[in-house]
Amino acid sequence: MTKKAIDIDDVLERVQDDQELLVELLDIFQEDYGQKRVSLGDYVEAGDYEQIKNTIHSLKGAAGNISAVDVHATCAHIEHLAEKQDVESIKSQIGILDQQYAVLQECIKEVKKSFSRS
């Protein structure tokens, strides 16, 4: 498992080792991410920096809740770029975020699989 995709020790501590709760949180994160990612793209195209900040801030918090270290850090960076209204850098970082999310998806699958064996 990619250690940086999810800090599994940290997230298990957050949920007090409740694997069922963690799986539920991961499912919620995935659903929420998909919806917010679509909106984020729309806001970038529209140049709506306030909505970019709001959406990415929400994603950052959700990533923090599941200890998705890389996704959280990239969201924080995008949030900073939105404050500076740096659209080209935001677009670049969203590309990185998409790659990190793909890695996170694989990590989530592994986590769920390992819990089903427990």
Protein backbone atom coordinates (compact mmCIF):
# COMPACT_ATOMS: atom_id res chain seq x y z
CA MET A 1 0.00 0.00 0.00
CA THR A 2 1.23 3.48 -0.80
CA LYS A 3 2.03 4.86 2.63
CA LYS A 4 1.57 8.49 1.60
CA ALA A 5 -1.77 8.00 -0.13
CA ILE A 6 -3.42 7.30 3.23
CA ASP A 7 -1.67 7.42 6.58
CA ILE A 8 -3.47 4.30 7.74
CA ASP A 9 -2.18 4.48 11.32
CA ASP A 10 -3.40 8.06 11.64
CA VAL A 11 -6.82 7.43 10.15
CA LEU A 12 -7.39 4.30 12.23
CA GLU A 13 -6.58 6.36 15.31
CA ARG A 14 -9.09 8.99 14.17
CA VAL A 15 -11.85 6.38 13.91
CA GLN A 16 -10.71 4.52 17.03
CA ASP A 17 -9.92 1.39 14.99
CA ASP A 18 -13.51 1.16 13.74
CA GLN A 19 -12.91 -0.40 10.32
CA GLU A 20 -16.59 -0.25 9.36
CA LEU A 21 -16.69 3.49 10.05
CA LEU A 22 -13.50 3.99 8.04
CA VAL A 23 -14.94 2.16 5.04
CA GLU A 24 -18.04 4.34 5.28
CA LEU A 25 -15.90 7.50 5.43
CA LEU A 26 -13.87 6.34 2.42
CA ASP A 27 -17.06 5.71 0.44
CA ILE A 28 -18.41 9.14 1.35
CA PHE A 29 -15.10 10.74 0.38
CA GLN A 30 -15.09 9.06 -3.02
CA GLU A 31 -18.63 10.12 -3.80
CA ASP A 32 -18.06 13.66 -2.58
CA TYR A 33 -14.75 13.97 -4.41
CA GLY A 34 -16.30 13.02 -7.74
CA GLN A 35 -19.01 15.66 -7.44
CA LYS A 36 -16.68 18.37 -6.18
CA ARG A 37 -14.05 17.62 -8.83
CA VAL A 38 -16.60 18.26 -11.59
CA SER A 39 -17.64 21.53 -9.95
CA LEU A 40 -14.00 22.52 -9.49
CA GLY A 41 -13.36 22.19 -13.21
CA ASP A 42 -16.39 24.35 -13.96
CA TYR A 43 -15.24 27.02 -11.50
CA VAL A 44 -11.74 27.08 -12.97
CA GLU A 45 -13.12 27.54 -16.48
CA ALA A 46 -15.38 30.34 -15.23
CA GLY A 47 -12.56 32.00 -13.29
CA ASP A 48 -14.68 31.89 -10.13
CA TYR A 49 -11.88 32.00 -7.57
CA GLU A 50 -14.21 32.26 -4.58
CA GLN A 51 -15.94 29.00 -5.54
CA ILE A 52 -12.57 27.40 -6.32
CA LYS A 53 -11.42 28.30 -2.79
CA ASN A 54 -14.64 27.03 -1.21
CA THR A 55 -14.65 23.76 -3.12
CA ILE A 56 -10.97 23.01 -2.67
CA HIS A 57 -11.19 23.93 1.02
CA SER A 58 -13.97 21.37 1.42
CA LEU A 59 -11.93 18.72 -0.41
CA LYS A 60 -8.91 19.55 1.73
CA GLY A 61 -10.92 18.99 4.89
CA ALA A 62 -12.36 15.72 3.64
CA ALA A 63 -8.89 14.51 2.62
CA GLY A 64 -7.60 15.43 6.05
CA ASN A 65 -10.40 13.45 7.68
CA ILE A 66 -9.28 10.27 5.93
CA SER A 67 -5.56 11.11 6.31
CA ALA A 68 -5.03 11.33 2.54
CA VAL A 69 -1.72 13.11 2.95
CA ASP A 70 -0.80 13.99 -0.65
CA VAL A 71 -4.32 14.97 -1.70
CA HIS A 72 -4.63 17.15 1.40
CA ALA A 73 -1.33 18.92 0.69
CA THR A 74 -2.19 19.55 -2.96
CA CYS A 75 -5.61 20.92 -2.02
CA ALA A 76 -3.93 23.30 0.43
CA HIS A 77 -1.61 24.45 -2.35
CA ILE A 78 -4.50 24.97 -4.78
CA GLU A 79 -6.36 26.92 -2.12
CA HIS A 80 -3.35 29.23 -1.80
CA LEU A 81 -3.14 29.60 -5.59
CA ALA A 82 -6.85 30.49 -5.74
CA GLU A 83 -6.21 33.32 -3.29
CA LYS A 84 -3.55 34.59 -5.70
CA GLN A 85 -5.88 33.97 -8.68
CA ASP A 86 -3.16 32.02 -10.51
CA VAL A 87 -5.30 30.04 -12.94
CA GLU A 88 -2.45 28.39 -14.88
CA SER A 89 -0.84 27.07 -11.71
CA ILE A 90 -4.25 25.95 -10.45
CA LYS A 91 -4.80 23.97 -13.65
CA SER A 92 -1.37 22.37 -13.29
CA GLN A 93 -2.00 21.45 -9.67
CA ILE A 94 -5.42 20.01 -10.51
CA GLY A 95 -3.63 17.67 -12.93
CA ILE A 96 -1.40 16.57 -10.06
CA LEU A 97 -4.46 16.23 -7.82
CA ASP A 98 -6.10 13.95 -10.39
CA GLN A 99 -3.00 11.72 -10.43
CA GLN A 100 -2.90 11.62 -6.64
CA TYR A 101 -6.58 10.76 -6.51
CA ALA A 102 -6.00 7.82 -8.88
CA VAL A 103 -3.31 6.52 -6.50
CA LEU A 104 -5.64 7.14 -3.57
CA GLN A 105 -8.38 5.13 -5.29
CA GLU A 106 -6.04 2.13 -5.49
CA CYS A 107 -5.06 2.58 -1.86
CA ILE A 108 -8.73 2.71 -0.83
CA LYS A 109 -9.34 -0.56 -2.69
CA GLU A 110 -6.43 -2.16 -0.85
CA VAL A 111 -7.64 -0.88 2.52
CA LYS A 112 -11.15 -2.23 1.93
CA LYS A 113 -9.76 -5.55 0.72
CA SER A 114 -7.52 -5.90 3.76
CA PHE A 115 -10.45 -5.16 6.09
CA SER A 116 -12.65 -7.76 4.41
CA ARG A 117 -10.00 -10.36 5.26
CA SER A 118 -9.94 -9.33 8.91
